[in-house]
């Protein structure tokens, strides 16, 4: 299970304040604790700084890379921003993200190819919200086709079926899990990923919903996730789900997490 750590995102008030004031200590602390918590990639996002995203994201990338050696997930919908920051990264990143919308696809996909990065593909088009499993699968197929035509290996594509809040779309979790299972069967070798916290937006006890969905989605084939790895209860649920789903041979990772005190 590939873990993309989500905490360095300017949509969080503490991160927005730190980026605004160029407080490197806060950003570097967030990077280090996520590495220690088991992240594989560190997501970096400065999208709330409209008109200044490139400047702010460039600074975030620089200070994060001073503190850690983990690869980054470059999180921006703007092809110009992606193009400008890709030469700054020390290790091959994940680009987050492309869609099947022409401007986004044509603007970002050539950069993915040129830099040999992994990429997250959202099941989103100009005229489809992809709420049903069928729409998610159809758009996933288009992403697989277009990335393959461009020369992106299937193993470098992470399809995000798009998980909507249960508070506004009660069927979203089921549709997303159905799509995950069908995508993984239809396109062997591709990966699926989701932004976990979307599912619980506007609900009480959000972390309980997040954990429950993650366990169920792993059972359906999800093999990457964007989450907060410092949440021990969530991390424990992930490790237990991988063990139960026979994705952790002899429960080696589960036992290691127990010995580290990570199974709340």
C-alpha atoms as a PDB file:
ATOM      1  CA  UNK A   1       0.000   0.000   0.000  1.00  0.00           C
ATOM      2  CA  UNK A   2       1.514   3.283  -1.128  1.00  0.00           C
ATOM      3  CA  UNK A   3       0.924   6.130   1.333  1.00  0.00           C
ATOM      4  CA  UNK A   4       0.890   9.746   0.195  1.00  0.00           C
ATOM      5  CA  UNK A   5       1.020  11.968   3.273  1.00  0.00           C
ATOM      6  CA  UNK A   6      -1.466  14.823   3.063  1.00  0.00           C
ATOM      7  CA  UNK A   7      -0.602  17.235   5.881  1.00  0.00           C
ATOM      8  CA  UNK A   8       1.432  19.868   3.973  1.00  0.00           C
ATOM      9  CA  UNK A   9      -1.576  21.382   2.258  1.00  0.00           C
ATOM     10  CA  UNK A  10      -2.371  25.080   2.446  1.00  0.00           C
ATOM     11  CA  UNK A  11      -6.076  24.297   2.833  1.00  0.00           C
ATOM     12  CA  UNK A  12      -5.120  23.538   6.444  1.00  0.00           C
ATOM     13  CA  UNK A  13      -5.087  26.820   8.361  1.00  0.00           C
ATOM     14  CA  UNK A  14      -1.858  26.060  10.230  1.00  0.00           C
ATOM     15  CA  UNK A  15      -0.053  25.268   6.980  1.00  0.00           C
ATOM     16  CA  UNK A  16      -1.478  28.288   5.187  1.00  0.00           C
ATOM     17  CA  UNK A  17      -0.224  30.512   8.022  1.00  0.00           C
ATOM     18  CA  UNK A  18       3.221  28.880   7.951  1.00  0.00           C
ATOM     19  CA  UNK A  19       3.568  29.262   4.190  1.00  0.00           C
ATOM     20  CA  UNK A  20       2.311  32.829   4.296  1.00  0.00           C
ATOM     21  CA  UNK A  21       4.921  33.768   6.914  1.00  0.00           C
ATOM     22  CA  UNK A  22       7.655  31.543   5.431  1.00  0.00           C
ATOM     23  CA  UNK A  23       7.928  29.577   8.661  1.00  0.00           C
ATOM     24  CA  UNK A  24      10.250  26.785   7.593  1.00  0.00           C
ATOM     25  CA  UNK A  25      10.295  25.164  11.036  1.00  0.00           C
ATOM     26  CA  UNK A  26       6.583  24.335  10.903  1.00  0.00           C
ATOM     27  CA  UNK A  27       6.742  22.929   7.380  1.00  0.00           C
ATOM     28  CA  UNK A  28       9.863  20.881   8.058  1.00  0.00           C
ATOM     29  CA  UNK A  29       8.381  19.485  11.271  1.00  0.00           C
ATOM     30  CA  UNK A  30       5.316  18.354   9.335  1.00  0.00           C
ATOM     31  CA  UNK A  31       7.542  16.705   6.745  1.00  0.00           C
ATOM     32  CA  UNK A  32       9.641  14.870   9.329  1.00  0.00           C
ATOM     33  CA  UNK A  33       6.739  13.525  11.406  1.00  0.00           C
ATOM     34  CA  UNK A  34       5.075  12.163   8.283  1.00  0.00           C
ATOM     35  CA  UNK A  35       8.256  10.417   7.191  1.00  0.00           C
ATOM     36  CA  UNK A  36       8.598   8.909  10.673  1.00  0.00           C
ATOM     37  CA  UNK A  37       4.955   7.810  10.519  1.00  0.00           C
ATOM     38  CA  UNK A  38       5.535   5.685   7.423  1.00  0.00           C
ATOM     39  CA  UNK A  39       4.765   7.888   4.419  1.00  0.00           C
ATOM     40  CA  UNK A  40       6.079   6.920   0.988  1.00  0.00           C
ATOM     41  CA  UNK A  41       5.519  10.343  -0.611  1.00  0.00           C
ATOM     42  CA  UNK A  42       4.969  13.793   0.899  1.00  0.00           C
ATOM     43  CA  UNK A  43       2.201  15.788  -0.776  1.00  0.00           C
ATOM     44  CA  UNK A  44       2.953  19.505  -1.169  1.00  0.00           C
ATOM     45  CA  UNK A  45       0.148  21.915  -1.994  1.00  0.00           C
ATOM     46  CA  UNK A  46      -0.047  25.722  -1.997  1.00  0.00           C
ATOM     47  CA  UNK A  47      -3.248  26.023  -3.983  1.00  0.00           C
ATOM     48  CA  UNK A  48      -4.972  28.520  -1.697  1.00  0.00           C
ATOM     49  CA  UNK A  49      -2.453  31.207  -2.660  1.00  0.00           C
ATOM     50  CA  UNK A  50      -4.231  32.404  -5.779  1.00  0.00           C
ATOM     51  CA  UNK A  51      -1.829  34.329  -7.998  1.00  0.00           C
ATOM     52  CA  UNK A  52       1.127  33.283  -5.829  1.00  0.00           C
ATOM     53  CA  UNK A  53       0.890  29.499  -6.009  1.00  0.00           C
ATOM     54  CA  UNK A  54       4.143  29.056  -7.924  1.00  0.00           C
ATOM     55  CA  UNK A  55       6.165  31.257  -5.585  1.00  0.00           C
ATOM     56  CA  UNK A  56       4.737  29.642  -2.464  1.00  0.00           C
ATOM     57  CA  UNK A  57       4.969  26.076  -3.747  1.00  0.00           C
ATOM     58  CA  UNK A  58       8.562  26.614  -4.852  1.00  0.00           C
ATOM     59  CA  UNK A  59       9.443  27.691  -1.318  1.00  0.00           C
ATOM     60  CA  UNK A  60       7.597  24.722   0.224  1.00  0.00           C
ATOM     61  CA  UNK A  61       9.438  22.272  -2.025  1.00  0.00           C
ATOM     62  CA  UNK A  62      12.795  23.814  -1.162  1.00  0.00           C
ATOM     63  CA  UNK A  63      12.289  23.724   2.617  1.00  0.00           C
ATOM     64  CA  UNK A  64      10.776  20.234   2.610  1.00  0.00           C
ATOM     65  CA  UNK A  65      13.685  18.838   0.615  1.00  0.00           C
ATOM     66  CA  UNK A  66      16.127  20.430   3.050  1.00  0.00           C
ATOM     67  CA  UNK A  67      14.554  18.363   5.828  1.00  0.00           C
ATOM     68  CA  UNK A  68      13.809  14.968   4.260  1.00  0.00           C
ATOM     69  CA  UNK A  69      14.903  12.659   1.460  1.00  0.00           C
ATOM     70  CA  UNK A  70      11.476  11.217   0.602  1.00  0.00           C
ATOM     71  CA  UNK A  71       9.994  11.876  -2.858  1.00  0.00           C
ATOM     72  CA  UNK A  72       7.218  14.442  -3.194  1.00  0.00           C
ATOM     73  CA  UNK A  73       3.728  14.456  -4.604  1.00  0.00           C
ATOM     74  CA  UNK A  74       3.407  17.742  -6.516  1.00  0.00           C
ATOM     75  CA  UNK A  75      -0.196  18.797  -5.982  1.00  0.00           C
ATOM     76  CA  UNK A  76      -1.489  21.428  -8.408  1.00  0.00           C
ATOM     77  CA  UNK A  77      -4.053  21.541 -11.238  1.00  0.00           C
ATOM     78  CA  UNK A  78      -2.055  24.242 -13.056  1.00  0.00           C
ATOM     79  CA  UNK A  79       0.197  22.964 -15.875  1.00  0.00           C
ATOM     80  CA  UNK A  80       2.359  26.102 -15.660  1.00  0.00           C
ATOM     81  CA  UNK A  81       3.040  25.507 -11.973  1.00  0.00           C
ATOM     82  CA  UNK A  82       3.827  21.825 -12.542  1.00  0.00           C
ATOM     83  CA  UNK A  83       6.190  22.714 -15.382  1.00  0.00           C
ATOM     84  CA  UNK A  84       8.057  25.258 -13.277  1.00  0.00           C
ATOM     85  CA  UNK A  85       8.547  23.120 -10.169  1.00  0.00           C
ATOM     86  CA  UNK A  86       9.357  19.711 -11.658  1.00  0.00           C
ATOM     87  CA  UNK A  87      13.004  20.660 -12.309  1.00  0.00           C
ATOM     88  CA  UNK A  88      13.335  21.547  -8.613  1.00  0.00           C
ATOM     89  CA  UNK A  89      12.625  18.114  -7.162  1.00  0.00           C
ATOM     90  CA  UNK A  90      15.461  15.854  -6.049  1.00  0.00           C
ATOM     91  CA  UNK A  91      13.691  12.545  -6.642  1.00  0.00           C
ATOM     92  CA  UNK A  92      11.085  11.423  -9.206  1.00  0.00           C
ATOM     93  CA  UNK A  93       7.740  12.635  -7.852  1.00  0.00           C
ATOM     94  CA  UNK A  94       4.089  11.851  -8.316  1.00  0.00           C
ATOM     95  CA  UNK A  95       2.210  14.549 -10.217  1.00  0.00           C
ATOM     96  CA  UNK A  96      -1.229  15.228  -8.779  1.00  0.00           C
ATOM     97  CA  UNK A  97      -3.055  15.394 -11.137  1.00  0.00           C
ATOM     98  CA  UNK A  98      -4.407  14.982 -14.650  1.00  0.00           C
ATOM     99  CA  UNK A  99      -8.021  14.587 -15.762  1.00  0.00           C
ATOM    100  CA  UNK A 100      -9.533  13.823 -19.155  1.00  0.00           C
ATOM    101  CA  UNK A 101     -10.303  17.520 -19.582  1.00  0.00           C
ATOM    102  CA  UNK A 102      -8.247  18.596 -22.631  1.00  0.00           C
ATOM    103  CA  UNK A 103      -6.564  21.624 -21.049  1.00  0.00           C
ATOM    104  CA  UNK A 104      -5.431  19.671 -18.010  1.00  0.00           C
ATOM    105  CA  UNK A 105      -4.500  16.504 -19.896  1.00  0.00           C
ATOM    106  CA  UNK A 106      -2.672  18.213 -22.746  1.00  0.00           C
ATOM    107  CA  UNK A 107      -0.970  20.636 -20.374  1.00  0.00           C
ATOM    108  CA  UNK A 108       0.325  18.174 -17.781  1.00  0.00           C
ATOM    109  CA  UNK A 109       0.698  14.783 -19.483  1.00  0.00           C
ATOM    110  CA  UNK A 110       3.655  15.840 -21.681  1.00  0.00           C
ATOM    111  CA  UNK A 111       5.434  17.007 -18.506  1.00  0.00           C
ATOM    112  CA  UNK A 112       4.853  13.620 -16.888  1.00  0.00           C
ATOM    113  CA  UNK A 113       6.387  11.928 -19.919  1.00  0.00           C
ATOM    114  CA  UNK A 114       9.319  14.325 -20.178  1.00  0.00           C
ATOM    115  CA  UNK A 115      10.263  13.948 -16.510  1.00  0.00           C
ATOM    116  CA  UNK A 116       9.393  10.269 -16.139  1.00  0.00           C
ATOM    117  CA  UNK A 117       7.116  10.804 -13.152  1.00  0.00           C
ATOM    118  CA  UNK A 118       4.227   8.862 -11.732  1.00  0.00           C
ATOM    119  CA  UNK A 119       0.845  10.542 -12.122  1.00  0.00           C
ATOM    120  CA  UNK A 120      -2.551  10.579 -10.458  1.00  0.00           C
ATOM    121  CA  UNK A 121      -5.448  10.580 -12.910  1.00  0.00           C
ATOM    122  CA  UNK A 122      -8.809  11.843 -11.685  1.00  0.00           C
ATOM    123  CA  UNK A 123     -12.005  10.355 -13.122  1.00  0.00           C
ATOM    124  CA  UNK A 124     -13.236  13.773 -14.159  1.00  0.00           C
ATOM    125  CA  UNK A 125     -14.248  15.340 -17.437  1.00  0.00           C
ATOM    126  CA  UNK A 126     -15.743  18.638 -18.573  1.00  0.00           C
ATOM    127  CA  UNK A 127     -19.268  17.244 -18.548  1.00  0.00           C
ATOM    128  CA  UNK A 128     -19.181  14.320 -16.072  1.00  0.00           C
ATOM    129  CA  UNK A 129     -18.937  14.362 -12.284  1.00  0.00           C
ATOM    130  CA  UNK A 130     -18.359  10.597 -12.333  1.00  0.00           C
ATOM    131  CA  UNK A 131     -20.707   9.789  -9.477  1.00  0.00           C
ATOM    132  CA  UNK A 132     -21.645   6.287 -10.678  1.00  0.00           C
ATOM    133  CA  UNK A 133     -19.304   3.311 -10.857  1.00  0.00           C
ATOM    134  CA  UNK A 134     -20.002   3.104 -14.595  1.00  0.00           C
ATOM    135  CA  UNK A 135     -18.907   6.685 -15.221  1.00  0.00           C
ATOM    136  CA  UNK A 136     -15.822   6.206 -13.065  1.00  0.00           C
ATOM    137  CA  UNK A 137     -14.855   3.069 -15.009  1.00  0.00           C
ATOM    138  CA  UNK A 138     -15.449   4.752 -18.364  1.00  0.00           C
ATOM    139  CA  UNK A 139     -13.267   7.739 -17.480  1.00  0.00           C
ATOM    140  CA  UNK A 140     -10.626   5.443 -16.019  1.00  0.00           C
ATOM    141  CA  UNK A 141     -10.504   3.682 -19.371  1.00  0.00           C
ATOM    142  CA  UNK A 142      -9.943   6.993 -21.119  1.00  0.00           C
ATOM    143  CA  UNK A 143      -7.118   7.838 -18.721  1.00  0.00           C
ATOM    144  CA  UNK A 144      -5.479   4.460 -19.305  1.00  0.00           C
ATOM    145  CA  UNK A 145      -5.785   4.894 -23.074  1.00  0.00           C
ATOM    146  CA  UNK A 146      -4.435   8.440 -23.196  1.00  0.00           C
ATOM    147  CA  UNK A 147      -1.521   7.832 -20.842  1.00  0.00           C
ATOM    148  CA  UNK A 148      -0.569   4.649 -22.694  1.00  0.00           C
ATOM    149  CA  UNK A 149      -0.613   6.526 -26.003  1.00  0.00           C
ATOM    150  CA  UNK A 150       1.716   9.101 -24.479  1.00  0.00           C
ATOM    151  CA  UNK A 151       4.123   6.382 -23.318  1.00  0.00           C
ATOM    152  CA  UNK A 152       3.389   6.367 -19.580  1.00  0.00           C
ATOM    153  CA  UNK A 153       3.831   2.849 -18.136  1.00  0.00           C
ATOM    154  CA  UNK A 154       0.653   1.477 -16.586  1.00  0.00           C
ATOM    155  CA  UNK A 155       2.524   0.966 -13.325  1.00  0.00           C
ATOM    156  CA  UNK A 156       3.069   4.740 -13.115  1.00  0.00           C
ATOM    157  CA  UNK A 157      -0.651   5.588 -13.339  1.00  0.00           C
ATOM    158  CA  UNK A 158      -2.713   5.985 -10.163  1.00  0.00           C
ATOM    159  CA  UNK A 159      -6.415   6.334 -10.925  1.00  0.00           C
ATOM    160  CA  UNK A 160      -8.511   8.297  -8.447  1.00  0.00           C
ATOM    161  CA  UNK A 161     -12.197   7.359  -8.981  1.00  0.00           C
ATOM    162  CA  UNK A 162     -13.171  10.474  -6.979  1.00  0.00           C
ATOM    163  CA  UNK A 163     -14.785   9.929  -3.621  1.00  0.00           C
ATOM    164  CA  UNK A 164     -17.518  12.414  -2.737  1.00  0.00           C
ATOM    165  CA  UNK A 165     -18.812  13.279   0.748  1.00  0.00           C
ATOM    166  CA  UNK A 166     -21.399  10.892   2.116  1.00  0.00           C
ATOM    167  CA  UNK A 167     -23.202  13.894   3.577  1.00  0.00           C
ATOM    168  CA  UNK A 168     -24.139  15.035   0.076  1.00  0.00           C
ATOM    169  CA  UNK A 169     -23.886  11.783  -1.904  1.00  0.00           C
ATOM    170  CA  UNK A 170     -24.917   8.759   0.199  1.00  0.00           C
ATOM    171  CA  UNK A 171     -23.982   6.314  -2.596  1.00  0.00           C
ATOM    172  CA  UNK A 172     -20.500   7.705  -3.254  1.00  0.00           C
ATOM    173  CA  UNK A 173     -18.556   5.266  -1.080  1.00  0.00           C
ATOM    174  CA  UNK A 174     -20.270   2.245  -2.626  1.00  0.00           C
ATOM    175  CA  UNK A 175     -19.833   3.587  -6.160  1.00  0.00           C
ATOM    176  CA  UNK A 176     -16.158   4.317  -5.505  1.00  0.00           C
ATOM    177  CA  UNK A 177     -15.498   0.857  -4.079  1.00  0.00           C
ATOM    178  CA  UNK A 178     -17.281  -0.770  -7.010  1.00  0.00           C
ATOM    179  CA  UNK A 179     -15.185   1.329  -9.382  1.00  0.00           C
ATOM    180  CA  UNK A 180     -11.947   0.419  -7.592  1.00  0.00           C
ATOM    181  CA  UNK A 181     -12.665  -3.292  -7.937  1.00  0.00           C
ATOM    182  CA  UNK A 182     -13.666  -3.002 -11.592  1.00  0.00           C
ATOM    183  CA  UNK A 183     -10.728  -0.766 -12.537  1.00  0.00           C
ATOM    184  CA  UNK A 184      -8.225  -3.127 -10.942  1.00  0.00           C
ATOM    185  CA  UNK A 185      -9.738  -6.101 -12.812  1.00  0.00           C
ATOM    186  CA  UNK A 186     -10.224  -4.321 -16.135  1.00  0.00           C
ATOM    187  CA  UNK A 187      -6.728  -2.824 -16.306  1.00  0.00           C
ATOM    188  CA  UNK A 188      -4.243  -5.208 -14.651  1.00  0.00           C
ATOM    189  CA  UNK A 189      -1.133  -3.349 -13.568  1.00  0.00           C
ATOM    190  CA  UNK A 190      -2.766   0.019 -12.954  1.00  0.00           C
ATOM    191  CA  UNK A 191      -3.110   1.443  -9.444  1.00  0.00           C
ATOM    192  CA  UNK A 192      -6.044   3.046  -7.638  1.00  0.00           C
ATOM    193  CA  UNK A 193      -5.799   5.854  -5.107  1.00  0.00           C
ATOM    194  CA  UNK A 194      -8.189   8.106  -3.242  1.00  0.00           C
ATOM    195  CA  UNK A 195      -8.185  11.196  -1.081  1.00  0.00           C
ATOM    196  CA  UNK A 196      -9.560   9.549   2.014  1.00  0.00           C
ATOM    197  CA  UNK A 197     -10.916  12.499   3.986  1.00  0.00           C
ATOM    198  CA  UNK A 198     -13.391  13.518   1.284  1.00  0.00           C
ATOM    199  CA  UNK A 199     -15.748  10.738   2.327  1.00  0.00           C
ATOM    200  CA  UNK A 200     -16.387  12.153   5.801  1.00  0.00           C
ATOM    201  CA  UNK A 201     -16.695  15.871   5.034  1.00  0.00           C
ATOM    202  CA  UNK A 202     -19.367  17.619   7.165  1.00  0.00           C
ATOM    203  CA  UNK A 203     -19.989  14.534   9.312  1.00  0.00           C
ATOM    204  CA  UNK A 204     -19.290  14.081  13.041  1.00  0.00           C
ATOM    205  CA  UNK A 205     -16.529  11.707  14.130  1.00  0.00           C
ATOM    206  CA  UNK A 206     -14.920  11.987  10.718  1.00  0.00           C
ATOM    207  CA  UNK A 207     -11.987   9.745  11.561  1.00  0.00           C
ATOM    208  CA  UNK A 208     -14.334   6.802  12.195  1.00  0.00           C
ATOM    209  CA  UNK A 209     -15.845   7.160   8.716  1.00  0.00           C
ATOM    210  CA  UNK A 210     -12.377   7.494   7.190  1.00  0.00           C
ATOM    211  CA  UNK A 211     -11.127   4.312   8.852  1.00  0.00           C
ATOM    212  CA  UNK A 212     -14.213   2.336   7.904  1.00  0.00           C
ATOM    213  CA  UNK A 213     -14.063   3.327   4.260  1.00  0.00           C
ATOM    214  CA  UNK A 214     -10.327   2.629   4.034  1.00  0.00           C
ATOM    215  CA  UNK A 215     -10.706  -0.914   5.348  1.00  0.00           C
ATOM    216  CA  UNK A 216     -13.557  -1.649   2.948  1.00  0.00           C
ATOM    217  CA  UNK A 217     -11.725  -0.109  -0.021  1.00  0.00           C
ATOM    218  CA  UNK A 218      -8.577  -2.139   0.639  1.00  0.00           C
ATOM    219  CA  UNK A 219     -10.733  -5.273   0.508  1.00  0.00           C
ATOM    220  CA  UNK A 220     -11.874  -4.187  -2.964  1.00  0.00           C
ATOM    221  CA  UNK A 221      -8.337  -3.646  -4.273  1.00  0.00           C
ATOM    222  CA  UNK A 222      -7.289  -0.100  -3.367  1.00  0.00           C
ATOM    223  CA  UNK A 223      -3.495  -0.047  -3.331  1.00  0.00           C
ATOM    224  CA  UNK A 224      -2.623   3.610  -2.665  1.00  0.00           C
ATOM    225  CA  UNK A 225      -4.121   6.312  -0.486  1.00  0.00           C
ATOM    226  CA  UNK A 226      -3.722   9.982   0.391  1.00  0.00           C
ATOM    227  CA  UNK A 227      -4.049  10.293   4.167  1.00  0.00           C
ATOM    228  CA  UNK A 228      -2.569  11.504   7.437  1.00  0.00           C
ATOM    229  CA  UNK A 229      -0.061   8.812   8.437  1.00  0.00           C
ATOM    230  CA  UNK A 230       0.359  10.319  11.914  1.00  0.00           C
ATOM    231  CA  UNK A 231      -3.189   9.206  12.829  1.00  0.00           C
ATOM    232  CA  UNK A 232      -2.341   5.975  14.676  1.00  0.00           C
ATOM    233  CA  UNK A 233      -5.906   4.672  14.704  1.00  0.00           C
ATOM    234  CA  UNK A 234      -6.119   5.100  10.935  1.00  0.00           C
ATOM    235  CA  UNK A 235      -2.651   3.638  10.439  1.00  0.00           C
ATOM    236  CA  UNK A 236      -3.582   0.643  12.585  1.00  0.00           C
ATOM    237  CA  UNK A 237      -6.776   0.070  10.612  1.00  0.00           C
ATOM    238  CA  UNK A 238      -4.753   0.167   7.396  1.00  0.00           C
ATOM    239  CA  UNK A 239      -2.233  -2.391   8.654  1.00  0.00           C
ATOM    240  CA  UNK A 240      -4.983  -4.680   9.955  1.00  0.00           C
ATOM    241  CA  UNK A 241      -6.901  -4.448   6.672  1.00  0.00           C
ATOM    242  CA  UNK A 242      -3.808  -5.358   4.657  1.00  0.00           C
ATOM    243  CA  UNK A 243      -3.232  -8.375   6.891  1.00  0.00           C
ATOM    244  CA  UNK A 244      -6.849  -9.557   6.603  1.00  0.00           C
ATOM    245  CA  UNK A 245      -6.797  -9.031   2.818  1.00  0.00           C
ATOM    246  CA  UNK A 246      -3.689 -11.264   2.516  1.00  0.00           C
ATOM    247  CA  UNK A 247      -1.582  -8.312   1.378  1.00  0.00           C
ATOM    248  CA  UNK A 248       0.817  -8.593   4.324  1.00  0.00           C
ATOM    249  CA  UNK A 249       2.422 -12.030   4.204  1.00  0.00           C
ATOM    250  CA  UNK A 250       2.563 -13.641   7.654  1.00  0.00           C
ATOM    251  CA  UNK A 251       1.383 -10.262   9.053  1.00  0.00           C
ATOM    252  CA  UNK A 252       4.973  -9.020   9.127  1.00  0.00           C
ATOM    253  CA  UNK A 253       4.078  -5.332   8.721  1.00  0.00           C
ATOM    254  CA  UNK A 254       1.207  -5.604  11.206  1.00  0.00           C
ATOM    255  CA  UNK A 255       3.503  -7.089  13.859  1.00  0.00           C
ATOM    256  CA  UNK A 256       6.138  -4.438  13.154  1.00  0.00           C
ATOM    257  CA  UNK A 257       3.528  -1.704  13.617  1.00  0.00           C
ATOM    258  CA  UNK A 258       2.506  -3.267  16.924  1.00  0.00           C
ATOM    259  CA  UNK A 259       6.101  -3.303  18.140  1.00  0.00           C
ATOM    260  CA  UNK A 260       6.410   0.375  17.164  1.00  0.00           C
ATOM    261  CA  UNK A 261       3.321   1.235  19.232  1.00  0.00           C
ATOM    262  CA  UNK A 262       1.326   2.262  16.156  1.00  0.00           C
ATOM    263  CA  UNK A 263      -1.808   0.141  16.634  1.00  0.00           C
ATOM    264  CA  UNK A 264      -4.195   2.363  18.572  1.00  0.00           C
END
